[in-house]
PDB file of N, CA and C in Angstrom:
ATOM      1  N   UNK A   1       0.833  -1.184   0.000  1.00  0.00           N
ATOM      2  CA  UNK A   1       0.000   0.000   0.000  1.00  0.00           C
ATOM      3  C   UNK A   1       0.874   1.242   0.000  1.00  0.00           C
ATOM      4  N   UNK A   2       0.399   2.309  -0.656  1.00  0.00           N
ATOM      5  CA  UNK A   2       1.157   3.554  -0.718  1.00  0.00           C
ATOM      6  C   UNK A   2       1.098   4.284   0.602  1.00  0.00           C
ATOM      7  N   UNK A   3       2.179   4.884   0.978  1.00  0.00           N
ATOM      8  CA  UNK A   3       2.235   5.638   2.235  1.00  0.00           C
ATOM      9  C   UNK A   3       1.946   7.096   1.925  1.00  0.00           C
ATOM     10  N   UNK A   4       1.118   7.698   2.760  1.00  0.00           N
ATOM     11  CA  UNK A   4       0.790   9.106   2.589  1.00  0.00           C
ATOM     12  C   UNK A   4       1.121   9.856   3.860  1.00  0.00           C
ATOM     13  N   UNK A   5       1.476  11.102   3.706  1.00  0.00           N
ATOM     14  CA  UNK A   5       1.696  11.975   4.836  1.00  0.00           C
ATOM     15  C   UNK A   5       0.619  13.039   4.803  1.00  0.00           C
ATOM     16  N   UNK A   6      -0.067  13.203   5.904  1.00  0.00           N
ATOM     17  CA  UNK A   6      -1.113  14.206   5.994  1.00  0.00           C
ATOM     18  C   UNK A   6      -0.607  15.319   6.897  1.00  0.00           C
ATOM     19  N   UNK A   7      -0.688  16.531   6.401  1.00  0.00           N
ATOM     20  CA  UNK A   7      -0.240  17.689   7.165  1.00  0.00           C
ATOM     21  C   UNK A   7      -1.400  18.662   7.245  1.00  0.00           C
ATOM     22  N   UNK A   8      -1.747  19.067   8.458  1.00  0.00           N
ATOM     23  CA  UNK A   8      -2.811  20.040   8.653  1.00  0.00           C
ATOM     24  C   UNK A   8      -2.214  21.408   8.927  1.00  0.00           C
ATOM     25  N   UNK A   9      -2.907  22.421   8.472  1.00  0.00           N
ATOM     26  CA  UNK A   9      -2.446  23.786   8.679  1.00  0.00           C
ATOM     27  C   UNK A   9      -3.576  24.566   9.338  1.00  0.00           C
ATOM     28  N   UNK A  10      -3.262  25.194  10.457  1.00  0.00           N
ATOM     29  CA  UNK A  10      -4.232  26.028  11.134  1.00  0.00           C
ATOM     30  C   UNK A  10      -3.944  27.473  10.751  1.00  0.00           C
ATOM     31  N   UNK A  11      -4.821  28.059   9.983  1.00  0.00           N
ATOM     32  CA  UNK A  11      -4.615  29.427   9.505  1.00  0.00           C
ATOM     33  C   UNK A  11      -4.873  30.468  10.587  1.00  0.00           C
ATOM     34  N   UNK A  12      -5.329  30.044  11.749  1.00  0.00           N
ATOM     35  CA  UNK A  12      -5.712  30.988  12.800  1.00  0.00           C
ATOM     36  C   UNK A  12      -4.808  30.886  14.021  1.00  0.00           C
ATOM     37  N   UNK A  13      -3.543  30.600  13.804  1.00  0.00           N
ATOM     38  CA  UNK A  13      -2.599  30.528  14.922  1.00  0.00           C
ATOM     39  C   UNK A  13      -2.191  31.917  15.369  1.00  0.00           C
ATOM     40  N   UNK A  14      -1.826  32.007  16.630  1.00  0.00           N
ATOM     41  CA  UNK A  14      -1.270  33.256  17.156  1.00  0.00           C
ATOM     42  C   UNK A  14       0.148  33.405  16.629  1.00  0.00           C
ATOM     43  N   UNK A  15       0.595  34.631  16.496  1.00  0.00           N
ATOM     44  CA  UNK A  15       1.933  34.894  15.970  1.00  0.00           C
ATOM     45  C   UNK A  15       3.017  34.288  16.855  1.00  0.00           C
ATOM     46  N   UNK A  16       2.767  34.215  18.165  1.00  0.00           N
ATOM     47  CA  UNK A  16       3.787  33.707  19.083  1.00  0.00           C
ATOM     48  C   UNK A  16       3.627  32.208  19.388  1.00  0.00           C
ATOM     49  N   UNK A  17       2.687  31.555  18.715  1.00  0.00           N
ATOM     50  CA  UNK A  17       2.441  30.131  18.950  1.00  0.00           C
ATOM     51  C   UNK A  17       3.486  29.278  18.243  1.00  0.00           C
ATOM     52  N   UNK A  18       4.078  28.362  18.996  1.00  0.00           N
ATOM     53  CA  UNK A  18       5.085  27.459  18.431  1.00  0.00           C
ATOM     54  C   UNK A  18       4.387  26.316  17.701  1.00  0.00           C
ATOM     55  N   UNK A  19       4.901  25.917  16.544  1.00  0.00           N
ATOM     56  CA  UNK A  19       4.295  24.781  15.846  1.00  0.00           C
ATOM     57  C   UNK A  19       4.504  23.496  16.646  1.00  0.00           C
ATOM     58  N   UNK A  20       3.524  22.637  16.626  1.00  0.00           N
ATOM     59  CA  UNK A  20       3.606  21.368  17.345  1.00  0.00           C
ATOM     60  C   UNK A  20       4.370  20.329  16.542  1.00  0.00           C
ATOM     61  N   UNK A  21       4.602  19.186  17.170  1.00  0.00           N
ATOM     62  CA  UNK A  21       5.290  18.101  16.491  1.00  0.00           C
ATOM     63  C   UNK A  21       4.334  17.401  15.540  1.00  0.00           C
ATOM     64  N   UNK A  22       4.866  16.907  14.429  1.00  0.00           N
ATOM     65  CA  UNK A  22       4.062  16.138  13.489  1.00  0.00           C
ATOM     66  C   UNK A  22       3.756  14.781  14.105  1.00  0.00           C
ATOM     67  N   UNK A  23       2.536  14.331  13.921  1.00  0.00           N
ATOM     68  CA  UNK A  23       2.121  13.028  14.431  1.00  0.00           C
ATOM     69  C   UNK A  23       2.681  11.944  13.524  1.00  0.00           C
ATOM     70  N   UNK A  24       3.339  10.981  14.114  1.00  0.00           N
ATOM     71  CA  UNK A  24       3.905   9.868  13.360  1.00  0.00           C
ATOM     72  C   UNK A  24       3.176   8.597  13.768  1.00  0.00           C
ATOM     73  N   UNK A  25       2.674   7.859  12.780  1.00  0.00           N
ATOM     74  CA  UNK A  25       1.946   6.620  13.036  1.00  0.00           C
ATOM     75  C   UNK A  25       2.903   5.448  12.874  1.00  0.00           C
ATOM     76  N   UNK A  26       2.921   4.579  13.856  1.00  0.00           N
ATOM     77  CA  UNK A  26       3.746   3.380  13.816  1.00  0.00           C
ATOM     78  C   UNK A  26       3.307   2.510  12.638  1.00  0.00           C
ATOM     79  N   UNK A  27       4.201   2.195  11.710  1.00  0.00           N
ATOM     80  CA  UNK A  27       3.826   1.388  10.541  1.00  0.00           C
ATOM     81  C   UNK A  27       3.216   0.037  10.909  1.00  0.00           C
ATOM     82  N   UNK A  28       3.670  -0.564  12.013  1.00  0.00           N
ATOM     83  CA  UNK A  28       3.099  -1.849  12.436  1.00  0.00           C
ATOM     84  C   UNK A  28       1.661  -1.671  12.923  1.00  0.00           C
ATOM     85  N   UNK A  29       1.402  -0.589  13.626  1.00  0.00           N
ATOM     86  CA  UNK A  29       0.045  -0.313  14.082  1.00  0.00           C
ATOM     87  C   UNK A  29      -0.870  -0.058  12.887  1.00  0.00           C
ATOM     88  N   UNK A  30      -0.349   0.648  11.897  1.00  0.00           N
ATOM     89  CA  UNK A  30      -1.118   0.914  10.686  1.00  0.00           C
ATOM     90  C   UNK A  30      -1.456  -0.391   9.969  1.00  0.00           C
ATOM     91  N   UNK A  31      -0.494  -1.278   9.851  1.00  0.00           N
ATOM     92  CA  UNK A  31      -0.724  -2.556   9.184  1.00  0.00           C
ATOM     93  C   UNK A  31      -1.730  -3.404   9.960  1.00  0.00           C
ATOM     94  N   UNK A  32      -1.639  -3.401  11.300  1.00  0.00           N
ATOM     95  CA  UNK A  32      -2.616  -4.144  12.114  1.00  0.00           C
ATOM     96  C   UNK A  32      -4.022  -3.607  11.892  1.00  0.00           C
ATOM     97  N   UNK A  33      -4.151  -2.294  11.828  1.00  0.00           N
ATOM     98  CA  UNK A  33      -5.464  -1.688  11.622  1.00  0.00           C
ATOM     99  C   UNK A  33      -6.003  -2.039  10.237  1.00  0.00           C
ATOM    100  N   UNK A  34      -5.152  -2.003   9.223  1.00  0.00           N
ATOM    101  CA  UNK A  34      -5.576  -2.367   7.865  1.00  0.00           C
ATOM    102  C   UNK A  34      -6.016  -3.822   7.811  1.00  0.00           C
ATOM    103  N   UNK A  35      -5.275  -4.698   8.474  1.00  0.00           N
ATOM    104  CA  UNK A  35      -5.636  -6.120   8.508  1.00  0.00           C
ATOM    105  C   UNK A  35      -6.957  -6.329   9.231  1.00  0.00           C
ATOM    106  N   UNK A  36      -7.167  -5.608  10.316  1.00  0.00           N
ATOM    107  CA  UNK A  36      -8.418  -5.691  11.057  1.00  0.00           C
ATOM    108  C   UNK A  36      -9.597  -5.271  10.178  1.00  0.00           C
ATOM    109  N   UNK A  37      -9.408  -4.218   9.397  1.00  0.00           N
ATOM    110  CA  UNK A  37     -10.445  -3.741   8.488  1.00  0.00           C
ATOM    111  C   UNK A  37     -10.734  -4.771   7.401  1.00  0.00           C
ATOM    112  N   UNK A  38      -9.678  -5.373   6.841  1.00  0.00           N
ATOM    113  CA  UNK A  38      -9.875  -6.426   5.824  1.00  0.00           C
ATOM    114  C   UNK A  38     -10.658  -7.594   6.414  1.00  0.00           C
ATOM    115  N   UNK A  39     -10.314  -8.001   7.625  1.00  0.00           N
ATOM    116  CA  UNK A  39     -10.991  -9.121   8.275  1.00  0.00           C
ATOM    117  C   UNK A  39     -12.462  -8.796   8.527  1.00  0.00           C
ATOM    118  N   UNK A  40     -12.749  -7.574   8.963  1.00  0.00           N
ATOM    119  CA  UNK A  40     -14.131  -7.159   9.190  1.00  0.00           C
ATOM    120  C   UNK A  40     -14.936  -7.282   7.909  1.00  0.00           C
ATOM    121  N   UNK A  41     -14.390  -6.763   6.821  1.00  0.00           N
ATOM    122  CA  UNK A  41     -15.113  -6.795   5.546  1.00  0.00           C
ATOM    123  C   UNK A  41     -15.321  -8.222   5.046  1.00  0.00           C
ATOM    124  N   UNK A  42     -14.406  -9.113   5.363  1.00  0.00           N
ATOM    125  CA  UNK A  42     -14.549 -10.506   4.940  1.00  0.00           C
ATOM    126  C   UNK A  42     -15.597 -11.248   5.763  1.00  0.00           C
ATOM    127  N   UNK A  43     -15.711 -10.952   7.055  1.00  0.00           N
ATOM    128  CA  UNK A  43     -16.600 -11.718   7.917  1.00  0.00           C
ATOM    129  C   UNK A  43     -18.017 -11.158   8.010  1.00  0.00           C
ATOM    130  N   UNK A  44     -18.199  -9.887   7.687  1.00  0.00           N
ATOM    131  CA  UNK A  44     -19.533  -9.311   7.819  1.00  0.00           C
ATOM    132  C   UNK A  44     -20.447  -9.829   6.710  1.00  0.00           C
ATOM    133  N   UNK A  45     -21.736  -9.658   6.909  1.00  0.00           N
ATOM    134  CA  UNK A  45     -22.737 -10.021   5.915  1.00  0.00           C
ATOM    135  C   UNK A  45     -22.729  -8.927   4.847  1.00  0.00           C
ATOM    136  N   UNK A  46     -22.106  -9.227   3.703  1.00  0.00           N
ATOM    137  CA  UNK A  46     -21.917  -8.220   2.651  1.00  0.00           C
ATOM    138  C   UNK A  46     -23.248  -7.706   2.110  1.00  0.00           C
ATOM    139  N   UNK A  47     -24.225  -8.578   1.963  1.00  0.00           N
ATOM    140  CA  UNK A  47     -25.532  -8.146   1.448  1.00  0.00           C
ATOM    141  C   UNK A  47     -26.203  -7.180   2.421  1.00  0.00           C
ATOM    142  N   UNK A  48     -26.090  -7.476   3.702  1.00  0.00           N
ATOM    143  CA  UNK A  48     -26.684  -6.595   4.715  1.00  0.00           C
ATOM    144  C   UNK A  48     -25.989  -5.237   4.721  1.00  0.00           C
ATOM    145  N   UNK A  49     -24.665  -5.234   4.632  1.00  0.00           N
ATOM    146  CA  UNK A  49     -23.909  -3.972   4.611  1.00  0.00           C
ATOM    147  C   UNK A  49     -24.266  -3.149   3.377  1.00  0.00           C
ATOM    148  N   UNK A  50     -24.350  -3.817   2.223  1.00  0.00           N
ATOM    149  CA  UNK A  50     -24.699  -3.118   0.977  1.00  0.00           C
ATOM    150  C   UNK A  50     -26.108  -2.544   1.049  1.00  0.00           C
ATOM    151  N   UNK A  51     -27.050  -3.327   1.588  1.00  0.00           N
ATOM    152  CA  UNK A  51     -28.428  -2.856   1.727  1.00  0.00           C
ATOM    153  C   UNK A  51     -28.506  -1.663   2.678  1.00  0.00           C
ATOM    154  N   UNK A  52     -27.760  -1.721   3.769  1.00  0.00           N
ATOM    155  CA  UNK A  52     -27.773  -0.620   4.737  1.00  0.00           C
ATOM    156  C   UNK A  52     -27.233   0.659   4.110  1.00  0.00           C
ATOM    157  N   UNK A  53     -26.156   0.542   3.332  1.00  0.00           N
ATOM    158  CA  UNK A  53     -25.613   1.730   2.659  1.00  0.00           C
ATOM    159  C   UNK A  53     -26.587   2.257   1.599  1.00  0.00           C
ATOM    160  N   UNK A  54     -27.272   1.362   0.932  1.00  0.00           N
ATOM    161  CA  UNK A  54     -28.274   1.790  -0.054  1.00  0.00           C
ATOM    162  C   UNK A  54     -29.408   2.550   0.608  1.00  0.00           C
ATOM    163  N   UNK A  55     -29.860   2.054   1.761  1.00  0.00           N
ATOM    164  CA  UNK A  55     -30.930   2.744   2.490  1.00  0.00           C
ATOM    165  C   UNK A  55     -30.453   4.107   2.986  1.00  0.00           C
ATOM    166  N   UNK A  56     -29.200   4.181   3.423  1.00  0.00           N
ATOM    167  CA  UNK A  56     -28.635   5.458   3.857  1.00  0.00           C
ATOM    168  C   UNK A  56     -28.569   6.439   2.685  1.00  0.00           C
ATOM    169  N   UNK A  57     -28.089   5.957   1.538  1.00  0.00           N
ATOM    170  CA  UNK A  57     -27.990   6.799   0.339  1.00  0.00           C
ATOM    171  C   UNK A  57     -29.373   7.331  -0.058  1.00  0.00           C
ATOM    172  N   UNK A  58     -30.381   6.462  -0.027  1.00  0.00           N
ATOM    173  CA  UNK A  58     -31.730   6.867  -0.406  1.00  0.00           C
ATOM    174  C   UNK A  58     -32.285   7.893   0.575  1.00  0.00           C
ATOM    175  N   UNK A  59     -32.127   7.648   1.871  1.00  0.00           N
ATOM    176  CA  UNK A  59     -32.626   8.590   2.883  1.00  0.00           C
ATOM    177  C   UNK A  59     -31.956   9.953   2.733  1.00  0.00           C
ATOM    178  N   UNK A  60     -30.647   9.944   2.500  1.00  0.00           N
ATOM    179  CA  UNK A  60     -29.921  11.212   2.330  1.00  0.00           C
ATOM    180  C   UNK A  60     -30.409  11.942   1.081  1.00  0.00           C
ATOM    181  N   UNK A  61     -30.606  11.193   0.009  1.00  0.00           N
ATOM    182  CA  UNK A  61     -31.070  11.797  -1.240  1.00  0.00           C
ATOM    183  C   UNK A  61     -32.459  12.384  -1.133  1.00  0.00           C
ATOM    184  N   UNK A  62     -33.261  11.818  -0.241  1.00  0.00           N
ATOM    185  CA  UNK A  62     -34.631  12.309  -0.047  1.00  0.00           C
ATOM    186  C   UNK A  62     -34.722  13.355   1.058  1.00  0.00           C
ATOM    187  N   UNK A  63     -33.588  13.679   1.684  1.00  0.00           N
ATOM    188  CA  UNK A  63     -33.583  14.700   2.726  1.00  0.00           C
ATOM    189  C   UNK A  63     -34.225  14.248   4.026  1.00  0.00           C
ATOM    190  N   UNK A  64     -34.272  12.943   4.254  1.00  0.00           N
ATOM    191  CA  UNK A  64     -34.889  12.419   5.473  1.00  0.00           C
ATOM    192  C   UNK A  64     -33.888  12.401   6.625  1.00  0.00           C
ATOM    193  N   UNK A  65     -34.392  12.130   7.820  1.00  0.00           N
ATOM    194  CA  UNK A  65     -33.556  11.976   9.002  1.00  0.00           C
ATOM    195  C   UNK A  65     -32.632  10.784   8.787  1.00  0.00           C
ATOM    196  N   UNK A  66     -31.359  10.948   9.050  1.00  0.00           N
ATOM    197  CA  UNK A  66     -30.370   9.905   8.763  1.00  0.00           C
ATOM    198  C   UNK A  66     -30.004   9.053   9.966  1.00  0.00           C
ATOM    199  N   UNK A  67     -30.524   9.375  11.149  1.00  0.00           N
ATOM    200  CA  UNK A  67     -30.093   8.659  12.342  1.00  0.00           C
ATOM    201  C   UNK A  67     -30.351   7.154  12.241  1.00  0.00           C
ATOM    202  N   UNK A  68     -31.565   6.747  11.898  1.00  0.00           N
ATOM    203  CA  UNK A  68     -31.850   5.314  11.829  1.00  0.00           C
ATOM    204  C   UNK A  68     -31.053   4.611  10.732  1.00  0.00           C
ATOM    205  N   UNK A  69     -30.951   5.167   9.528  1.00  0.00           N
ATOM    206  CA  UNK A  69     -30.120   4.501   8.515  1.00  0.00           C
ATOM    207  C   UNK A  69     -28.645   4.417   8.919  1.00  0.00           C
ATOM    208  N   UNK A  70     -28.138   5.408   9.632  1.00  0.00           N
ATOM    209  CA  UNK A  70     -26.748   5.348  10.104  1.00  0.00           C
ATOM    210  C   UNK A  70     -26.614   4.238  11.147  1.00  0.00           C
ATOM    211  N   UNK A  71     -27.558   4.172  12.087  1.00  0.00           N
ATOM    212  CA  UNK A  71     -27.510   3.121  13.103  1.00  0.00           C
ATOM    213  C   UNK A  71     -27.631   1.734  12.472  1.00  0.00           C
ATOM    214  N   UNK A  72     -28.504   1.590  11.483  1.00  0.00           N
ATOM    215  CA  UNK A  72     -28.625   0.309  10.787  1.00  0.00           C
ATOM    216  C   UNK A  72     -27.315  -0.046  10.083  1.00  0.00           C
ATOM    217  N   UNK A  73     -26.643   0.948   9.531  1.00  0.00           N
ATOM    218  CA  UNK A  73     -25.355   0.716   8.872  1.00  0.00           C
ATOM    219  C   UNK A  73     -24.311   0.246   9.867  1.00  0.00           C
ATOM    220  N   UNK A  74     -24.273   0.866  11.013  1.00  0.00           N
ATOM    221  CA  UNK A  74     -23.319   0.468  12.055  1.00  0.00           C
ATOM    222  C   UNK A  74     -23.611  -0.960  12.510  1.00  0.00           C
ATOM    223  N   UNK A  75     -24.886  -1.272  12.695  1.00  0.00           N
ATOM    224  CA  UNK A  75     -25.264  -2.638  13.104  1.00  0.00           C
ATOM    225  C   UNK A  75     -24.889  -3.670  12.032  1.00  0.00           C
ATOM    226  N   UNK A  76     -24.846  -3.243  10.775  1.00  0.00           N
ATOM    227  CA  UNK A  76     -24.460  -4.132   9.669  1.00  0.00           C
ATOM    228  C   UNK A  76     -22.943  -4.158   9.482  1.00  0.00           C
ATOM    229  N   UNK A  77     -22.213  -3.568  10.416  1.00  0.00           N
ATOM    230  CA  UNK A  77     -20.754  -3.522  10.414  1.00  0.00           C
ATOM    231  C   UNK A  77     -20.179  -2.745   9.225  1.00  0.00           C
ATOM    232  N   UNK A  78     -20.904  -1.721   8.813  1.00  0.00           N
ATOM    233  CA  UNK A  78     -20.404  -0.785   7.812  1.00  0.00           C
ATOM    234  C   UNK A  78     -19.418   0.132   8.532  1.00  0.00           C
ATOM    235  N   UNK A  79     -18.307   0.444   7.897  1.00  0.00           N
ATOM    236  CA  UNK A  79     -17.296   1.282   8.545  1.00  0.00           C
ATOM    237  C   UNK A  79     -17.684   2.760   8.484  1.00  0.00           C
ATOM    238  N   UNK A  80     -17.085   3.531   9.368  1.00  0.00           N
ATOM    239  CA  UNK A  80     -17.310   4.978   9.363  1.00  0.00           C
ATOM    240  C   UNK A  80     -16.892   5.571   8.018  1.00  0.00           C
ATOM    241  N   UNK A  81     -15.798   5.081   7.465  1.00  0.00           N
ATOM    242  CA  UNK A  81     -15.348   5.566   6.159  1.00  0.00           C
ATOM    243  C   UNK A  81     -16.360   5.292   5.063  1.00  0.00           C
ATOM    244  N   UNK A  82     -17.002   4.132   5.107  1.00  0.00           N
ATOM    245  CA  UNK A  82     -18.016   3.802   4.103  1.00  0.00           C
ATOM    246  C   UNK A  82     -19.258   4.668   4.273  1.00  0.00           C
ATOM    247  N   UNK A  83     -19.642   4.913   5.522  1.00  0.00           N
ATOM    248  CA  UNK A  83     -20.787   5.784   5.787  1.00  0.00           C
ATOM    249  C   UNK A  83     -20.486   7.197   5.290  1.00  0.00           C
ATOM    250  N   UNK A  84     -19.322   7.717   5.656  1.00  0.00           N
ATOM    251  CA  UNK A  84     -18.948   9.077   5.231  1.00  0.00           C
ATOM    252  C   UNK A  84     -18.849   9.159   3.714  1.00  0.00           C
ATOM    253  N   UNK A  85     -18.294   8.131   3.076  1.00  0.00           N
ATOM    254  CA  UNK A  85     -18.180   8.121   1.616  1.00  0.00           C
ATOM    255  C   UNK A  85     -19.541   8.154   0.946  1.00  0.00           C
ATOM    256  N   UNK A  86     -20.495   7.419   1.497  1.00  0.00           N
ATOM    257  CA  UNK A  86     -21.852   7.412   0.952  1.00  0.00           C
ATOM    258  C   UNK A  86     -22.477   8.795   1.072  1.00  0.00           C
ATOM    259  N   UNK A  87     -22.286   9.441   2.213  1.00  0.00           N
ATOM    260  CA  UNK A  87     -22.843  10.783   2.400  1.00  0.00           C
ATOM    261  C   UNK A  87     -22.160  11.798   1.485  1.00  0.00           C
ATOM    262  N   UNK A  88     -20.857  11.630   1.243  1.00  0.00           N
ATOM    263  CA  UNK A  88     -20.167  12.518   0.295  1.00  0.00           C
ATOM    264  C   UNK A  88     -20.713  12.344  -1.114  1.00  0.00           C
ATOM    265  N   UNK A  89     -21.062  11.098  -1.481  1.00  0.00           N
ATOM    266  CA  UNK A  89     -21.647  10.856  -2.809  1.00  0.00           C
ATOM    267  C   UNK A  89     -22.936  11.657  -2.993  1.00  0.00           C
ATOM    268  N   UNK A  90     -23.727  11.730  -1.936  1.00  0.00           N
ATOM    269  CA  UNK A  90     -25.025  12.418  -2.009  1.00  0.00           C
ATOM    270  C   UNK A  90     -24.862  13.929  -1.876  1.00  0.00           C
ATOM    271  N   UNK A  91     -24.114  14.363  -0.869  1.00  0.00           N
ATOM    272  CA  UNK A  91     -24.042  15.785  -0.540  1.00  0.00           C
ATOM    273  C   UNK A  91     -22.843  16.509  -1.135  1.00  0.00           C
ATOM    274  N   UNK A  92     -21.859  15.769  -1.594  1.00  0.00           N
ATOM    275  CA  UNK A  92     -20.621  16.393  -2.032  1.00  0.00           C
ATOM    276  C   UNK A  92     -19.701  16.629  -0.850  1.00  0.00           C
ATOM    277  N   UNK A  93     -18.640  17.340  -1.098  1.00  0.00           N
ATOM    278  CA  UNK A  93     -17.640  17.584  -0.062  1.00  0.00           C
ATOM    279  C   UNK A  93     -17.509  19.079   0.168  1.00  0.00           C
ATOM    280  N   UNK A  94     -17.502  19.483   1.438  1.00  0.00           N
ATOM    281  CA  UNK A  94     -17.396  20.900   1.785  1.00  0.00           C
ATOM    282  C   UNK A  94     -16.029  21.441   1.401  1.00  0.00           C
ATOM    283  N   UNK A  95     -16.022  22.569   0.804  1.00  0.00           N
ATOM    284  CA  UNK A  95     -14.796  23.311   0.496  1.00  0.00           C
ATOM    285  C   UNK A  95     -14.900  24.667   1.165  1.00  0.00           C
ATOM    286  N   UNK A  96     -13.782  25.156   1.673  1.00  0.00           N
ATOM    287  CA  UNK A  96     -13.783  26.456   2.336  1.00  0.00           C
ATOM    288  C   UNK A  96     -14.361  27.500   1.372  1.00  0.00           C
ATOM    289  N   UNK A  97     -15.273  28.288   1.888  1.00  0.00           N
ATOM    290  CA  UNK A  97     -15.907  29.317   1.080  1.00  0.00           C
ATOM    291  C   UNK A  97     -17.212  28.873   0.433  1.00  0.00           C
ATOM    292  N   UNK A  98     -17.560  27.576   0.548  1.00  0.00           N
ATOM    293  CA  UNK A  98     -18.796  27.072  -0.063  1.00  0.00           C
ATOM    294  C   UNK A  98     -20.035  27.763   0.502  1.00  0.00           C
ATOM    295  N   UNK A  99     -20.005  28.094   1.784  1.00  0.00           N
ATOM    296  CA  UNK A  99     -21.193  28.634   2.424  1.00  0.00           C
ATOM    297  C   UNK A  99     -21.150  30.142   2.617  1.00  0.00           C
ATOM    298  N   UNK A 100     -20.091  30.747   2.262  1.00  0.00           N
ATOM    299  CA  UNK A 100     -20.038  32.135   2.620  1.00  0.00           C
ATOM    300  C   UNK A 100     -19.501  33.016   1.609  1.00  0.00           C
TER     301      UNK A 100
END
């Protein structure tokens, strides 16, 4: 898998504020987490997870309350990333300046 470095920038720092240390993730911990995610996807009921995401997508598209479809997705062992990705498909992704 490709390694990525994520760097965040806070545009609202004080002039006298010292920059913090960059967060470094242990490669072994990262690999364990990736393996855990692969195992989850292999053992879960794929049809149930797909159906739950479909119901979430439909509810979001219709502007309905998303709490129950999100809870159903979690119960179907859908990951947070999959839930967020589904919502991004429907709503798009916020960009600075979109609302103002």
